[in-house]
């Protein structure tokens, strides 16, 4: 997470070990790195539009992975 967000590893460790919450600024970094998915984890009752957006982002990520695998197959790699 530290590499993806640029946040200090000690800060992330505090969140995980002590159950503390990220600041609004750090939350922005997390959303920037992990898109709508991070908000789904944080919110107790995410709105349907956010769930739809997270699904769309996941679909795009999977389609990119499929394209990469097809290119590897076609290239003989």
N, C-alpha and C. Protein backbone atom coordinates (compact mmCIF):
# COMPACT_ATOMS: atom_id res chain seq x y z
N UNK A 1 0.82 -1.19 0.00
CA UNK A 1 0.00 0.00 0.00
C UNK A 1 0.86 1.25 0.00
N UNK A 2 1.97 1.19 0.74
CA UNK A 2 2.85 2.36 0.80
C UNK A 2 3.37 2.71 -0.60
N UNK A 3 3.75 1.71 -1.36
CA UNK A 3 4.27 1.96 -2.71
C UNK A 3 3.18 2.50 -3.62
N UNK A 4 1.96 2.00 -3.47
CA UNK A 4 0.85 2.43 -4.33
C UNK A 4 0.38 3.84 -4.02
N UNK A 5 0.48 4.24 -2.74
CA UNK A 5 -0.10 5.52 -2.32
C UNK A 5 0.92 6.61 -2.03
N UNK A 6 2.16 6.22 -1.75
CA UNK A 6 3.16 7.20 -1.34
C UNK A 6 3.06 7.55 0.13
N UNK A 7 2.19 6.85 0.85
CA UNK A 7 2.04 7.09 2.28
C UNK A 7 3.09 6.29 3.05
N UNK A 8 3.52 6.78 4.21
CA UNK A 8 4.52 6.04 5.00
C UNK A 8 3.99 4.68 5.44
N UNK A 9 4.83 3.67 5.38
CA UNK A 9 4.44 2.32 5.79
C UNK A 9 4.04 2.30 7.25
N UNK A 10 4.67 3.12 8.08
CA UNK A 10 4.32 3.17 9.51
C UNK A 10 2.88 3.65 9.71
N UNK A 11 2.46 4.58 8.90
CA UNK A 11 1.08 5.09 8.99
C UNK A 11 0.10 3.99 8.65
N UNK A 12 0.36 3.27 7.59
CA UNK A 12 -0.53 2.18 7.18
C UNK A 12 -0.54 1.09 8.24
N UNK A 13 0.60 0.81 8.80
CA UNK A 13 0.68 -0.19 9.86
C UNK A 13 -0.18 0.21 11.06
N UNK A 14 -0.16 1.49 11.40
CA UNK A 14 -0.99 1.98 12.51
C UNK A 14 -2.47 1.74 12.24
N UNK A 15 -2.88 1.99 11.00
CA UNK A 15 -4.29 1.77 10.65
C UNK A 15 -4.65 0.31 10.87
N UNK A 16 -3.79 -0.57 10.41
CA UNK A 16 -4.09 -2.00 10.46
C UNK A 16 -3.93 -2.58 11.86
N UNK A 17 -2.91 -2.18 12.58
CA UNK A 17 -2.63 -2.76 13.88
C UNK A 17 -3.50 -2.20 15.00
N UNK A 18 -3.80 -0.93 14.91
CA UNK A 18 -4.52 -0.27 16.00
C UNK A 18 -5.96 0.09 15.66
N UNK A 19 -6.33 -0.19 14.45
CA UNK A 19 -7.70 0.12 14.07
C UNK A 19 -7.98 1.59 13.91
N UNK A 20 -6.93 2.42 13.79
CA UNK A 20 -7.16 3.84 13.58
C UNK A 20 -7.58 4.08 12.14
N UNK A 21 -8.13 5.24 11.90
CA UNK A 21 -8.65 5.57 10.57
C UNK A 21 -7.75 6.56 9.85
N UNK A 22 -7.72 6.47 8.52
CA UNK A 22 -6.93 7.45 7.77
C UNK A 22 -7.57 8.83 7.81
N UNK A 23 -6.73 9.84 7.67
CA UNK A 23 -7.23 11.21 7.56
C UNK A 23 -7.91 11.37 6.20
N UNK A 24 -8.60 12.47 6.02
CA UNK A 24 -9.25 12.73 4.74
C UNK A 24 -8.22 12.82 3.62
N UNK A 25 -7.07 13.42 3.89
CA UNK A 25 -6.00 13.52 2.90
C UNK A 25 -5.50 12.12 2.52
N UNK A 26 -5.27 11.26 3.53
CA UNK A 26 -4.79 9.90 3.26
C UNK A 26 -5.86 9.10 2.53
N UNK A 27 -7.12 9.31 2.88
CA UNK A 27 -8.21 8.63 2.19
C UNK A 27 -8.20 8.99 0.71
N UNK A 28 -7.93 10.24 0.42
CA UNK A 28 -7.81 10.67 -0.98
C UNK A 28 -6.71 9.91 -1.70
N UNK A 29 -5.59 9.70 -1.02
CA UNK A 29 -4.49 8.92 -1.60
C UNK A 29 -4.92 7.48 -1.86
N UNK A 30 -5.66 6.90 -0.92
CA UNK A 30 -6.14 5.53 -1.08
C UNK A 30 -7.11 5.41 -2.25
N UNK A 31 -8.02 6.36 -2.36
CA UNK A 31 -8.97 6.35 -3.48
C UNK A 31 -8.23 6.54 -4.80
N UNK A 32 -7.22 7.40 -4.80
CA UNK A 32 -6.43 7.60 -6.01
C UNK A 32 -5.72 6.33 -6.45
N UNK A 33 -5.29 5.52 -5.50
CA UNK A 33 -4.57 4.29 -5.81
C UNK A 33 -5.49 3.12 -6.11
N UNK A 34 -6.62 3.06 -5.40
CA UNK A 34 -7.47 1.86 -5.49
C UNK A 34 -8.89 2.14 -5.99
N UNK A 35 -9.15 3.34 -6.45
CA UNK A 35 -10.43 3.70 -7.05
C UNK A 35 -11.60 3.49 -6.08
N UNK A 36 -12.74 3.17 -6.64
CA UNK A 36 -13.98 3.08 -5.86
C UNK A 36 -13.96 1.91 -4.88
N UNK A 37 -13.15 0.92 -5.14
CA UNK A 37 -13.13 -0.27 -4.27
C UNK A 37 -12.83 0.06 -2.82
N UNK A 38 -11.93 0.99 -2.59
CA UNK A 38 -11.56 1.34 -1.21
C UNK A 38 -12.76 1.95 -0.48
N UNK A 39 -13.58 2.70 -1.18
CA UNK A 39 -14.76 3.28 -0.55
C UNK A 39 -15.79 2.22 -0.19
N UNK A 40 -15.88 1.17 -1.01
CA UNK A 40 -16.80 0.08 -0.68
C UNK A 40 -16.42 -0.60 0.62
N UNK A 41 -15.12 -0.70 0.87
CA UNK A 41 -14.64 -1.32 2.10
C UNK A 41 -14.91 -0.43 3.30
N UNK A 42 -14.80 0.87 3.12
CA UNK A 42 -14.92 1.81 4.23
C UNK A 42 -16.37 2.09 4.62
N UNK A 43 -17.22 2.23 3.64
CA UNK A 43 -18.60 2.62 3.91
C UNK A 43 -19.46 1.43 4.35
N UNK A 44 -20.26 1.63 5.38
CA UNK A 44 -21.17 0.58 5.84
C UNK A 44 -22.26 0.28 4.82
N UNK A 45 -22.80 1.34 4.23
CA UNK A 45 -23.89 1.18 3.26
C UNK A 45 -23.57 2.03 2.02
N UNK A 46 -22.70 1.52 1.16
CA UNK A 46 -22.34 2.32 -0.02
C UNK A 46 -23.54 2.49 -0.95
N UNK A 47 -23.62 3.65 -1.58
CA UNK A 47 -24.73 3.87 -2.52
C UNK A 47 -24.59 2.98 -3.75
N UNK A 48 -25.70 2.72 -4.39
CA UNK A 48 -25.69 1.80 -5.54
C UNK A 48 -24.80 2.31 -6.67
N UNK A 49 -24.73 3.63 -6.86
CA UNK A 49 -23.89 4.16 -7.94
C UNK A 49 -22.42 3.85 -7.68
N UNK A 50 -22.02 3.82 -6.41
CA UNK A 50 -20.64 3.50 -6.09
C UNK A 50 -20.36 2.02 -6.34
N UNK A 51 -21.31 1.18 -6.00
CA UNK A 51 -21.16 -0.25 -6.28
C UNK A 51 -21.08 -0.50 -7.78
N UNK A 52 -21.89 0.20 -8.54
CA UNK A 52 -21.85 0.07 -10.00
C UNK A 52 -20.49 0.51 -10.55
N UNK A 53 -19.97 1.61 -10.03
CA UNK A 53 -18.67 2.11 -10.48
C UNK A 53 -17.55 1.13 -10.13
N UNK A 54 -17.60 0.56 -8.96
CA UNK A 54 -16.58 -0.42 -8.57
C UNK A 54 -16.63 -1.63 -9.49
N UNK A 55 -17.82 -2.09 -9.84
CA UNK A 55 -17.96 -3.21 -10.79
C UNK A 55 -17.40 -2.84 -12.15
N UNK A 56 -17.69 -1.63 -12.61
CA UNK A 56 -17.18 -1.18 -13.91
C UNK A 56 -15.66 -1.16 -13.91
N UNK A 57 -15.07 -0.64 -12.84
CA UNK A 57 -13.62 -0.58 -12.74
C UNK A 57 -13.01 -1.97 -12.70
N UNK A 58 -13.65 -2.88 -11.98
CA UNK A 58 -13.16 -4.25 -11.92
C UNK A 58 -13.23 -4.92 -13.29
N UNK A 59 -14.32 -4.69 -14.00
CA UNK A 59 -14.48 -5.24 -15.35
C UNK A 59 -13.39 -4.72 -16.27
N UNK A 60 -13.09 -3.43 -16.21
CA UNK A 60 -12.01 -2.86 -17.03
C UNK A 60 -10.66 -3.48 -16.69
N UNK A 61 -10.40 -3.68 -15.40
CA UNK A 61 -9.14 -4.29 -14.98
C UNK A 61 -9.01 -5.71 -15.50
N UNK A 62 -10.10 -6.47 -15.42
CA UNK A 62 -10.09 -7.85 -15.91
C UNK A 62 -9.92 -7.87 -17.42
N UNK A 63 -10.58 -6.98 -18.13
CA UNK A 63 -10.43 -6.91 -19.59
C UNK A 63 -9.00 -6.58 -20.00
N UNK A 64 -8.32 -5.72 -19.23
CA UNK A 64 -6.91 -5.43 -19.50
C UNK A 64 -6.05 -6.66 -19.27
N UNK A 65 -6.36 -7.42 -18.22
CA UNK A 65 -5.62 -8.65 -17.95
C UNK A 65 -5.82 -9.67 -19.08
N UNK A 66 -7.05 -9.79 -19.56
CA UNK A 66 -7.34 -10.70 -20.66
C UNK A 66 -6.57 -10.29 -21.91
N UNK A 67 -6.56 -8.99 -22.19
CA UNK A 67 -5.83 -8.50 -23.36
C UNK A 67 -4.34 -8.81 -23.25
N UNK A 68 -3.79 -8.66 -22.06
CA UNK A 68 -2.37 -8.97 -21.85
C UNK A 68 -2.11 -10.45 -22.06
N UNK A 69 -2.98 -11.29 -21.53
CA UNK A 69 -2.82 -12.73 -21.72
C UNK A 69 -2.95 -13.14 -23.18
N UNK A 70 -3.90 -12.54 -23.90
CA UNK A 70 -4.06 -12.84 -25.33
C UNK A 70 -2.80 -12.44 -26.10
N UNK A 71 -2.24 -11.29 -25.77
CA UNK A 71 -1.03 -10.84 -26.43
C UNK A 71 0.11 -11.81 -26.16
N UNK A 72 0.19 -12.33 -24.94
CA UNK A 72 1.24 -13.30 -24.61
C UNK A 72 1.06 -14.59 -25.39
N UNK A 73 -0.19 -15.04 -25.50
CA UNK A 73 -0.47 -16.27 -26.25
C UNK A 73 -0.13 -16.09 -27.71
N UNK A 74 -0.57 -14.99 -28.29
CA UNK A 74 -0.34 -14.74 -29.71
C UNK A 74 1.14 -14.51 -30.00
N UNK A 75 1.84 -13.94 -29.04
CA UNK A 75 3.27 -13.69 -29.22
C UNK A 75 4.13 -14.88 -28.90
N UNK A 76 3.51 -15.94 -28.40
CA UNK A 76 4.24 -17.14 -28.07
C UNK A 76 5.05 -17.03 -26.78
N UNK A 77 4.70 -16.06 -25.94
CA UNK A 77 5.45 -15.86 -24.71
C UNK A 77 4.89 -16.69 -23.58
